[in-house]
Amino acid sequence: MEIPSPCIDVCRLSPETGWCQGCLRTVEEIRAWPRADNGVRQAILERTVARRAAAGGPAGARA
């Protein structure tokens, strides 16, 4: 089963962090997503969870 994109249609890059303000992915991660296998996708999601936690959001929340 393919891991779905974490995109929530809030596609604005933060000039401070370089992350999408909606899904917290970098431009490189967004570009890689369509070609990425589930292992790479899971790693991207784990980074977004860590970013959300570092920014003060709920650590267990999915981007």
C-alpha atoms as a PDB file:
ATOM      1  CA  MET A   1       0.000   0.000   0.000  1.00  0.00           C
ATOM      2  CA  GLU A   2       1.353   3.382  -1.026  1.00  0.00           C
ATOM      3  CA  ILE A   3       1.814   6.069   1.640  1.00  0.00           C
ATOM      4  CA  PRO A   4      -0.321   9.084   0.645  1.00  0.00           C
ATOM      5  CA  SER A   5       1.065  12.585   0.301  1.00  0.00           C
ATOM      6  CA  PRO A   6       0.928  14.748   3.435  1.00  0.00           C
ATOM      7  CA  CYS A   7      -0.069  17.758   1.313  1.00  0.00           C
ATOM      8  CA  ILE A   8      -3.016  19.678   2.793  1.00  0.00           C
ATOM      9  CA  ASP A   9      -3.261  22.246  -0.021  1.00  0.00           C
ATOM     10  CA  VAL A  10      -1.574  25.031   1.945  1.00  0.00           C
ATOM     11  CA  CYS A  11       1.362  25.406  -0.409  1.00  0.00           C
ATOM     12  CA  ARG A  12       3.480  28.311   0.811  1.00  0.00           C
ATOM     13  CA  LEU A  13       7.173  28.068   1.571  1.00  0.00           C
ATOM     14  CA  SER A  14       8.349  29.761   4.740  1.00  0.00           C
ATOM     15  CA  PRO A  15      11.248  32.113   3.996  1.00  0.00           C
ATOM     16  CA  GLU A  16      12.586  31.463   7.506  1.00  0.00           C
ATOM     17  CA  THR A  17      12.695  27.652   7.364  1.00  0.00           C
ATOM     18  CA  GLY A  18      12.323  26.738   3.694  1.00  0.00           C
ATOM     19  CA  TRP A  19       9.510  24.335   4.657  1.00  0.00           C
ATOM     20  CA  CYS A  20       6.012  24.285   3.227  1.00  0.00           C
ATOM     21  CA  GLN A  21       3.747  25.929   5.812  1.00  0.00           C
ATOM     22  CA  GLY A  22       1.106  23.261   5.233  1.00  0.00           C
ATOM     23  CA  CYS A  23       2.958  19.939   5.199  1.00  0.00           C
ATOM     24  CA  LEU A  24       6.383  21.008   6.539  1.00  0.00           C
ATOM     25  CA  ARG A  25       8.282  19.388   3.681  1.00  0.00           C
ATOM     26  CA  THR A  26      11.201  21.020   1.886  1.00  0.00           C
ATOM     27  CA  VAL A  27      11.068  21.751  -1.834  1.00  0.00           C
ATOM     28  CA  GLU A  28      13.396  18.787  -2.388  1.00  0.00           C
ATOM     29  CA  GLU A  29      11.094  16.475  -0.416  1.00  0.00           C
ATOM     30  CA  ILE A  30       8.026  17.717  -2.311  1.00  0.00           C
ATOM     31  CA  ARG A  31       9.773  17.127  -5.643  1.00  0.00           C
ATOM     32  CA  ALA A  32      10.977  13.662  -4.611  1.00  0.00           C
ATOM     33  CA  TRP A  33       7.602  12.447  -3.304  1.00  0.00           C
ATOM     34  CA  PRO A  34       6.048  11.191  -6.597  1.00  0.00           C
ATOM     35  CA  ARG A  35       9.101   8.972  -7.334  1.00  0.00           C
ATOM     36  CA  ALA A  36       9.815   7.945  -3.733  1.00  0.00           C
ATOM     37  CA  ASP A  37       9.239   4.440  -2.452  1.00  0.00           C
ATOM     38  CA  ASN A  38       7.488   3.898   0.873  1.00  0.00           C
ATOM     39  CA  GLY A  39      10.776   3.796   2.798  1.00  0.00           C
ATOM     40  CA  VAL A  40      11.747   7.244   1.554  1.00  0.00           C
ATOM     41  CA  ARG A  41       8.213   8.537   2.109  1.00  0.00           C
ATOM     42  CA  GLN A  42       8.228   7.270   5.684  1.00  0.00           C
ATOM     43  CA  ALA A  43      11.562   9.016   6.308  1.00  0.00           C
ATOM     44  CA  ILE A  44      10.128  12.277   4.939  1.00  0.00           C
ATOM     45  CA  LEU A  45       7.076  11.955   7.182  1.00  0.00           C
ATOM     46  CA  GLU A  46       9.274  11.321  10.218  1.00  0.00           C
ATOM     47  CA  ARG A  47      11.217  14.501   9.461  1.00  0.00           C
ATOM     48  CA  THR A  48       7.978  16.498   9.195  1.00  0.00           C
ATOM     49  CA  VAL A  49       6.818  15.170  12.576  1.00  0.00           C
ATOM     50  CA  ALA A  50      10.152  16.219  14.108  1.00  0.00           C
ATOM     51  CA  ARG A  51       9.849  19.667  12.504  1.00  0.00           C
ATOM     52  CA  ARG A  52       6.333  20.101  13.861  1.00  0.00           C
ATOM     53  CA  ALA A  53       7.496  19.091  17.353  1.00  0.00           C
ATOM     54  CA  ALA A  54      10.467  21.475  17.174  1.00  0.00           C
ATOM     55  CA  ALA A  55       8.097  24.265  16.139  1.00  0.00           C
ATOM     56  CA  GLY A  56       5.912  23.595  19.186  1.00  0.00           C
ATOM     57  CA  GLY A  57       3.182  21.589  17.494  1.00  0.00           C
ATOM     58  CA  PRO A  58       1.970  18.181  18.626  1.00  0.00           C
ATOM     59  CA  ALA A  59       4.804  15.670  18.092  1.00  0.00           C
ATOM     60  CA  GLY A  60       2.527  12.817  17.094  1.00  0.00           C
ATOM     61  CA  ALA A  61       0.567  14.828  14.552  1.00  0.00           C
ATOM     62  CA  ARG A  62       0.913  13.922  10.959  1.00  0.00           C
ATOM     63  CA  ALA A  63       1.849  16.850   8.750  1.00  0.00           C
END
